[in-house]
Amino acid sequence: MMVDVIEAQALPGLRLWLRFSDGKEGVVDFSGLELPGVLARLRDPGFLAQVRVDPELGAPVWPGGLDLDPLVLYAWVVGMPLPGAEASRR
């Protein structure tokens, strides 16, 4: 399944509201997630607020080249298993 992020907005409490190309929308809460490496920048509310959507990628992006996989975000929002989760269990 191919789905793009078409809108994104930072919310208080390290949350990100997303709307997808199929009309579904929801919130990803980063406050309780382990964010290693470059993803740790998402813990800064000022940095998180700089989100925009790159229409070519169909993904939320931030300065410095940080972007998040729209399919993974979609899975979190709609409660689907994360892509590749089955393969990693074998």
C-alpha atoms as a PDB file:
ATOM      1  CA  MET A   1       0.000   0.000   0.000  1.00  0.00           C
ATOM      2  CA  MET A   2       1.283   3.421  -0.882  1.00  0.00           C
ATOM      3  CA  VAL A   3       0.174   6.340   1.254  1.00  0.00           C
ATOM      4  CA  ASP A   4       1.592   9.845   1.540  1.00  0.00           C
ATOM      5  CA  VAL A   5       1.465  12.420   4.286  1.00  0.00           C
ATOM      6  CA  ILE A   6      -0.294  15.483   2.852  1.00  0.00           C
ATOM      7  CA  GLU A   7      -0.489  17.656   5.998  1.00  0.00           C
ATOM      8  CA  ALA A   8       1.481  17.773   9.234  1.00  0.00           C
ATOM      9  CA  GLN A   9       1.330  20.014  12.279  1.00  0.00           C
ATOM     10  CA  ALA A  10       3.285  19.945  15.523  1.00  0.00           C
ATOM     11  CA  LEU A  11       1.130  19.872  18.653  1.00  0.00           C
ATOM     12  CA  PRO A  12       2.018  20.514  22.306  1.00  0.00           C
ATOM     13  CA  GLY A  13       3.541  17.634  24.226  1.00  0.00           C
ATOM     14  CA  LEU A  14       5.840  16.386  21.439  1.00  0.00           C
ATOM     15  CA  ARG A  15       2.949  15.210  19.293  1.00  0.00           C
ATOM     16  CA  LEU A  16       2.561  15.405  15.535  1.00  0.00           C
ATOM     17  CA  TRP A  17      -0.821  15.540  13.782  1.00  0.00           C
ATOM     18  CA  LEU A  18      -0.838  13.986  10.328  1.00  0.00           C
ATOM     19  CA  ARG A  19      -3.296  13.720   7.433  1.00  0.00           C
ATOM     20  CA  PHE A  20      -2.703  11.053   4.820  1.00  0.00           C
ATOM     21  CA  SER A  21      -3.557  10.855   1.133  1.00  0.00           C
ATOM     22  CA  ASP A  22      -6.378   8.367   1.809  1.00  0.00           C
ATOM     23  CA  GLY A  23      -8.115  10.852   4.147  1.00  0.00           C
ATOM     24  CA  LYS A  24      -7.146   9.189   7.412  1.00  0.00           C
ATOM     25  CA  GLU A  25      -5.615  11.386  10.094  1.00  0.00           C
ATOM     26  CA  GLY A  26      -4.232  11.008  13.561  1.00  0.00           C
ATOM     27  CA  VAL A  27      -1.556  11.903  16.071  1.00  0.00           C
ATOM     28  CA  VAL A  28       1.858  10.370  16.716  1.00  0.00           C
ATOM     29  CA  ASP A  29       3.121  10.991  20.249  1.00  0.00           C
ATOM     30  CA  PHE A  30       6.923  11.137  20.396  1.00  0.00           C
ATOM     31  CA  SER A  31       7.076  11.797  24.151  1.00  0.00           C
ATOM     32  CA  GLY A  32       7.243   8.128  25.133  1.00  0.00           C
ATOM     33  CA  LEU A  33       9.323   6.865  22.227  1.00  0.00           C
ATOM     34  CA  GLU A  34      13.010   6.071  22.228  1.00  0.00           C
ATOM     35  CA  LEU A  35      14.496   8.454  19.688  1.00  0.00           C
ATOM     36  CA  PRO A  36      18.104   7.475  19.011  1.00  0.00           C
ATOM     37  CA  GLY A  37      20.682   9.408  17.025  1.00  0.00           C
ATOM     38  CA  VAL A  38      19.411  12.166  14.774  1.00  0.00           C
ATOM     39  CA  LEU A  39      15.799  11.398  15.781  1.00  0.00           C
ATOM     40  CA  ALA A  40      16.569  12.811  19.240  1.00  0.00           C
ATOM     41  CA  ARG A  41      16.146  16.258  17.660  1.00  0.00           C
ATOM     42  CA  LEU A  42      12.382  15.575  17.627  1.00  0.00           C
ATOM     43  CA  ARG A  43      12.378  15.928  21.436  1.00  0.00           C
ATOM     44  CA  ASP A  44      12.957  19.679  20.984  1.00  0.00           C
ATOM     45  CA  PRO A  45       9.516  21.328  20.632  1.00  0.00           C
ATOM     46  CA  GLY A  46      11.060  24.190  18.650  1.00  0.00           C
ATOM     47  CA  PHE A  47      12.577  21.779  16.164  1.00  0.00           C
ATOM     48  CA  LEU A  48       9.427  19.644  15.957  1.00  0.00           C
ATOM     49  CA  ALA A  49       7.435  22.798  15.142  1.00  0.00           C
ATOM     50  CA  GLN A  50       9.532  23.298  11.994  1.00  0.00           C
ATOM     51  CA  VAL A  51       7.811  20.342  10.323  1.00  0.00           C
ATOM     52  CA  ARG A  52       6.673  20.646   6.740  1.00  0.00           C
ATOM     53  CA  VAL A  53       5.536  18.119   4.154  1.00  0.00           C
ATOM     54  CA  ASP A  54       7.764  17.389   1.180  1.00  0.00           C
ATOM     55  CA  PRO A  55       5.318  16.650  -1.658  1.00  0.00           C
ATOM     56  CA  GLU A  56       7.893  14.606  -3.596  1.00  0.00           C
ATOM     57  CA  LEU A  57       8.608  12.343  -0.624  1.00  0.00           C
ATOM     58  CA  GLY A  58       5.054  12.398   0.726  1.00  0.00           C
ATOM     59  CA  ALA A  59       6.645  12.636   4.150  1.00  0.00           C
ATOM     60  CA  PRO A  60       7.091  15.070   7.035  1.00  0.00           C
ATOM     61  CA  VAL A  61      10.522  16.690   6.907  1.00  0.00           C
ATOM     62  CA  TRP A  62      12.636  18.991   9.084  1.00  0.00           C
ATOM     63  CA  PRO A  63      15.746  21.102   8.549  1.00  0.00           C
ATOM     64  CA  GLY A  64      18.972  19.188   8.110  1.00  0.00           C
ATOM     65  CA  GLY A  65      17.416  16.451   5.987  1.00  0.00           C
ATOM     66  CA  LEU A  66      15.443  14.654   8.710  1.00  0.00           C
ATOM     67  CA  ASP A  67      12.348  12.891   7.375  1.00  0.00           C
ATOM     68  CA  LEU A  68      10.088  10.123   8.639  1.00  0.00           C
ATOM     69  CA  ASP A  69       8.738   7.170   6.662  1.00  0.00           C
ATOM     70  CA  PRO A  70       5.072   7.849   5.838  1.00  0.00           C
ATOM     71  CA  LEU A  71       4.207   4.130   5.841  1.00  0.00           C
ATOM     72  CA  VAL A  72       5.531   3.683   9.388  1.00  0.00           C
ATOM     73  CA  LEU A  73       3.644   6.789  10.548  1.00  0.00           C
ATOM     74  CA  TYR A  74       0.477   5.514   8.869  1.00  0.00           C
ATOM     75  CA  ALA A  75       0.815   2.164  10.634  1.00  0.00           C
ATOM     76  CA  TRP A  76       1.133   3.914  14.022  1.00  0.00           C
ATOM     77  CA  VAL A  77      -1.868   6.155  13.362  1.00  0.00           C
ATOM     78  CA  VAL A  78      -4.246   3.439  12.148  1.00  0.00           C
ATOM     79  CA  GLY A  79      -2.964   0.673  14.440  1.00  0.00           C
ATOM     80  CA  MET A  80      -1.507  -1.599  11.765  1.00  0.00           C
ATOM     81  CA  PRO A  81       1.603  -3.736  12.322  1.00  0.00           C
ATOM     82  CA  LEU A  82       4.728  -1.811  11.434  1.00  0.00           C
ATOM     83  CA  PRO A  83       6.113  -2.578   7.953  1.00  0.00           C
ATOM     84  CA  GLY A  84       8.713  -5.335   8.152  1.00  0.00           C
ATOM     85  CA  ALA A  85       7.662  -6.387  11.661  1.00  0.00           C
ATOM     86  CA  GLU A  86       6.700  -9.895  10.506  1.00  0.00           C
ATOM     87  CA  ALA A  87       9.998 -10.402   8.662  1.00  0.00           C
ATOM     88  CA  SER A  88      12.022  -9.372  11.716  1.00  0.00           C
ATOM     89  CA  ARG A  89      10.309 -12.029  13.880  1.00  0.00           C
ATOM     90  CA  ARG A  90      11.436 -14.941  11.675  1.00  0.00           C
END
